[in-house]
Amino acid sequence: MPAFAVGEGEGALLGALFPVEAANGPDPNNSYSKWLAGQPKRHVQE
């Protein structure tokens, strides 16, 4: 997939999506999802 612009103007960045094999990804035991699940529950009030 080609690169794409993220944002506009002088501060724009380039982004790209590319496949990563599971063996090269993060360890599931050290993932953000696991960390987040261990955090206290939060409630949004409007």
PDB file of N, CA and C in Angstrom:
ATOM      1  N   MET A   1       0.856  -1.179   0.000  1.00  0.00           N
ATOM      2  CA  MET A   1       0.000   0.000   0.000  1.00  0.00           C
ATOM      3  C   MET A   1       0.899   1.238   0.000  1.00  0.00           C
ATOM      4  N   PRO A   2       0.562   2.219  -0.795  1.00  0.00           N
ATOM      5  CA  PRO A   2       1.375   3.435  -0.827  1.00  0.00           C
ATOM      6  C   PRO A   2       1.201   4.267   0.447  1.00  0.00           C
ATOM      7  N   ALA A   3       2.122   5.165   0.663  1.00  0.00           N
ATOM      8  CA  ALA A   3       2.042   6.072   1.814  1.00  0.00           C
ATOM      9  C   ALA A   3       0.877   7.035   1.604  1.00  0.00           C
ATOM     10  N   PHE A   4       0.375   7.586   2.704  1.00  0.00           N
ATOM     11  CA  PHE A   4      -0.732   8.535   2.636  1.00  0.00           C
ATOM     12  C   PHE A   4      -0.476   9.669   3.620  1.00  0.00           C
ATOM     13  N   ALA A   5      -1.080  10.809   3.328  1.00  0.00           N
ATOM     14  CA  ALA A   5      -0.902  11.992   4.171  1.00  0.00           C
ATOM     15  C   ALA A   5      -1.746  11.866   5.433  1.00  0.00           C
ATOM     16  N   VAL A   6      -1.179  12.296   6.548  1.00  0.00           N
ATOM     17  CA  VAL A   6      -1.892  12.372   7.815  1.00  0.00           C
ATOM     18  C   VAL A   6      -1.824  13.834   8.239  1.00  0.00           C
ATOM     19  N   GLY A   7      -2.925  14.534   8.132  1.00  0.00           N
ATOM     20  CA  GLY A   7      -2.948  15.956   8.416  1.00  0.00           C
ATOM     21  C   GLY A   7      -2.775  16.752   7.137  1.00  0.00           C
ATOM     22  N   GLU A   8      -2.711  18.061   7.310  1.00  0.00           N
ATOM     23  CA  GLU A   8      -2.611  18.952   6.162  1.00  0.00           C
ATOM     24  C   GLU A   8      -1.542  20.003   6.414  1.00  0.00           C
ATOM     25  N   GLY A   9      -1.047  20.552   5.352  1.00  0.00           N
ATOM     26  CA  GLY A   9      -0.125  21.679   5.431  1.00  0.00           C
ATOM     27  C   GLY A   9       1.267  21.281   5.855  1.00  0.00           C
ATOM     28  N   GLU A  10       1.970  22.267   6.404  1.00  0.00           N
ATOM     29  CA  GLU A  10       3.380  22.099   6.764  1.00  0.00           C
ATOM     30  C   GLU A  10       3.609  21.039   7.838  1.00  0.00           C
ATOM     31  N   GLY A  11       2.640  20.822   8.720  1.00  0.00           N
ATOM     32  CA  GLY A  11       2.793  19.855   9.800  1.00  0.00           C
ATOM     33  C   GLY A  11       2.324  18.456   9.448  1.00  0.00           C
ATOM     34  N   ALA A  12       1.994  18.211   8.179  1.00  0.00           N
ATOM     35  CA  ALA A  12       1.484  16.899   7.780  1.00  0.00           C
ATOM     36  C   ALA A  12       2.566  15.829   7.908  1.00  0.00           C
ATOM     37  N   LEU A  13       2.120  14.632   8.180  1.00  0.00           N
ATOM     38  CA  LEU A  13       3.011  13.472   8.280  1.00  0.00           C
ATOM     39  C   LEU A  13       2.644  12.483   7.192  1.00  0.00           C
ATOM     40  N   LEU A  14       3.501  11.513   6.957  1.00  0.00           N
ATOM     41  CA  LEU A  14       3.187  10.417   6.048  1.00  0.00           C
ATOM     42  C   LEU A  14       2.951   9.161   6.867  1.00  0.00           C
ATOM     43  N   GLY A  15       1.960   8.404   6.481  1.00  0.00           N
ATOM     44  CA  GLY A  15       1.660   7.151   7.144  1.00  0.00           C
ATOM     45  C   GLY A  15       1.606   6.027   6.122  1.00  0.00           C
ATOM     46  N   ALA A  16       1.717   4.801   6.573  1.00  0.00           N
ATOM     47  CA  ALA A  16       1.607   3.641   5.691  1.00  0.00           C
ATOM     48  C   ALA A  16       1.167   2.442   6.519  1.00  0.00           C
ATOM     49  N   LEU A  17       0.427   1.562   5.895  1.00  0.00           N
ATOM     50  CA  LEU A  17       0.017   0.313   6.523  1.00  0.00           C
ATOM     51  C   LEU A  17       0.786  -0.818   5.870  1.00  0.00           C
ATOM     52  N   PHE A  18       1.229  -1.753   6.674  1.00  0.00           N
ATOM     53  CA  PHE A  18       1.945  -2.900   6.117  1.00  0.00           C
ATOM     54  C   PHE A  18       1.743  -4.092   7.038  1.00  0.00           C
ATOM     55  N   PRO A  19       1.720  -5.286   6.479  1.00  0.00           N
ATOM     56  CA  PRO A  19       1.489  -6.484   7.294  1.00  0.00           C
ATOM     57  C   PRO A  19       2.698  -6.825   8.165  1.00  0.00           C
ATOM     58  N   VAL A  20       2.406  -7.318   9.351  1.00  0.00           N
ATOM     59  CA  VAL A  20       3.448  -7.792  10.273  1.00  0.00           C
ATOM     60  C   VAL A  20       3.043  -9.194  10.708  1.00  0.00           C
ATOM     61  N   GLU A  21       3.900 -10.154  10.471  1.00  0.00           N
ATOM     62  CA  GLU A  21       3.594 -11.524  10.881  1.00  0.00           C
ATOM     63  C   GLU A  21       3.499 -11.602  12.402  1.00  0.00           C
ATOM     64  N   ALA A  22       2.624 -12.465  12.886  1.00  0.00           N
ATOM     65  CA  ALA A  22       2.394 -12.593  14.323  1.00  0.00           C
ATOM     66  C   ALA A  22       3.682 -12.867  15.096  1.00  0.00           C
ATOM     67  N   ALA A  23       4.581 -13.630  14.516  1.00  0.00           N
ATOM     68  CA  ALA A  23       5.842 -13.953  15.201  1.00  0.00           C
ATOM     69  C   ALA A  23       6.703 -12.709  15.428  1.00  0.00           C
ATOM     70  N   ASN A  24       6.488 -11.666  14.627  1.00  0.00           N
ATOM     71  CA  ASN A  24       7.268 -10.434  14.767  1.00  0.00           C
ATOM     72  C   ASN A  24       6.521  -9.347  15.524  1.00  0.00           C
ATOM     73  N   GLY A  25       5.320  -9.653  15.998  1.00  0.00           N
ATOM     74  CA  GLY A  25       4.517  -8.677  16.730  1.00  0.00           C
ATOM     75  C   GLY A  25       4.852  -8.679  18.211  1.00  0.00           C
ATOM     76  N   PRO A  26       4.157  -7.837  18.965  1.00  0.00           N
ATOM     77  CA  PRO A  26       4.399  -7.773  20.411  1.00  0.00           C
ATOM     78  C   PRO A  26       3.925  -9.043  21.125  1.00  0.00           C
ATOM     79  N   ASP A  27       4.563  -9.342  22.225  1.00  0.00           N
ATOM     80  CA  ASP A  27       4.178 -10.488  23.049  1.00  0.00           C
ATOM     81  C   ASP A  27       2.802 -10.212  23.654  1.00  0.00           C
ATOM     82  N   PRO A  28       1.813 -11.077  23.446  1.00  0.00           N
ATOM     83  CA  PRO A  28       0.473 -10.844  24.004  1.00  0.00           C
ATOM     84  C   PRO A  28       0.473 -10.679  25.521  1.00  0.00           C
ATOM     85  N   ASN A  29       1.419 -11.284  26.213  1.00  0.00           N
ATOM     86  CA  ASN A  29       1.489 -11.144  27.674  1.00  0.00           C
ATOM     87  C   ASN A  29       2.005  -9.783  28.102  1.00  0.00           C
ATOM     88  N   ASN A  30       2.495  -8.989  27.163  1.00  0.00           N
ATOM     89  CA  ASN A  30       3.030  -7.668  27.477  1.00  0.00           C
ATOM     90  C   ASN A  30       2.307  -6.616  26.629  1.00  0.00           C
ATOM     91  N   SER A  31       1.040  -6.847  26.339  1.00  0.00           N
ATOM     92  CA  SER A  31       0.311  -5.977  25.441  1.00  0.00           C
ATOM     93  C   SER A  31      -0.379  -4.829  26.172  1.00  0.00           C
ATOM     94  N   TYR A  32      -0.738  -3.814  25.407  1.00  0.00           N
ATOM     95  CA  TYR A  32      -1.484  -2.678  25.953  1.00  0.00           C
ATOM     96  C   TYR A  32      -2.850  -3.136  26.448  1.00  0.00           C
ATOM     97  N   SER A  33      -3.478  -4.049  25.727  1.00  0.00           N
ATOM     98  CA  SER A  33      -4.804  -4.530  26.126  1.00  0.00           C
ATOM     99  C   SER A  33      -4.761  -5.174  27.512  1.00  0.00           C
ATOM    100  N   LYS A  34      -3.721  -5.960  27.764  1.00  0.00           N
ATOM    101  CA  LYS A  34      -3.600  -6.605  29.084  1.00  0.00           C
ATOM    102  C   LYS A  34      -3.363  -5.554  30.166  1.00  0.00           C
ATOM    103  N   TRP A  35      -2.525  -4.574  29.873  1.00  0.00           N
ATOM    104  CA  TRP A  35      -2.262  -3.511  30.838  1.00  0.00           C
ATOM    105  C   TRP A  35      -3.540  -2.738  31.128  1.00  0.00           C
ATOM    106  N   LEU A  36      -4.274  -2.377  30.073  1.00  0.00           N
ATOM    107  CA  LEU A  36      -5.493  -1.606  30.234  1.00  0.00           C
ATOM    108  C   LEU A  36      -6.532  -2.372  31.040  1.00  0.00           C
ATOM    109  N   ALA A  37      -6.640  -3.676  30.822  1.00  0.00           N
ATOM    110  CA  ALA A  37      -7.602  -4.491  31.556  1.00  0.00           C
ATOM    111  C   ALA A  37      -7.302  -4.511  33.044  1.00  0.00           C
ATOM    112  N   GLY A  38      -6.040  -4.288  33.430  1.00  0.00           N
ATOM    113  CA  GLY A  38      -5.659  -4.294  34.837  1.00  0.00           C
ATOM    114  C   GLY A  38      -5.801  -2.942  35.522  1.00  0.00           C
ATOM    115  N   GLN A  39      -6.217  -1.909  34.774  1.00  0.00           N
ATOM    116  CA  GLN A  39      -6.372  -0.578  35.344  1.00  0.00           C
ATOM    117  C   GLN A  39      -7.748  -0.437  35.994  1.00  0.00           C
ATOM    118  N   PRO A  40      -7.865   0.477  36.970  1.00  0.00           N
ATOM    119  CA  PRO A  40      -9.183   0.693  37.585  1.00  0.00           C
ATOM    120  C   PRO A  40     -10.200   1.158  36.533  1.00  0.00           C
ATOM    121  N   LYS A  41     -11.433   0.758  36.730  1.00  0.00           N
ATOM    122  CA  LYS A  41     -12.494   1.169  35.815  1.00  0.00           C
ATOM    123  C   LYS A  41     -12.711   2.674  35.921  1.00  0.00           C
ATOM    124  N   ARG A  42     -13.017   3.290  34.804  1.00  0.00           N
ATOM    125  CA  ARG A  42     -13.258   4.734  34.763  1.00  0.00           C
ATOM    126  C   ARG A  42     -14.658   4.973  34.235  1.00  0.00           C
ATOM    127  N   HIS A  43     -15.256   6.049  34.680  1.00  0.00           N
ATOM    128  CA  HIS A  43     -16.600   6.403  34.256  1.00  0.00           C
ATOM    129  C   HIS A  43     -16.574   7.814  33.685  1.00  0.00           C
ATOM    130  N   VAL A  44     -17.186   7.986  32.541  1.00  0.00           N
ATOM    131  CA  VAL A  44     -17.266   9.296  31.902  1.00  0.00           C
ATOM    132  C   VAL A  44     -18.553   9.956  32.307  1.00  0.00           C
ATOM    133  N   GLN A  45     -18.460  11.189  32.781  1.00  0.00           N
ATOM    134  CA  GLN A  45     -19.648  11.949  33.151  1.00  0.00           C
ATOM    135  C   GLN A  45     -19.771  13.132  32.205  1.00  0.00           C
ATOM    136  N   GLU A  46     -20.966  13.341  31.718  1.00  0.00           N
ATOM    137  CA  GLU A  46     -21.184  14.479  30.812  1.00  0.00           C
ATOM    138  C   GLU A  46     -21.801  15.635  31.557  1.00  0.00           C
TER     139      GLU A  46
END
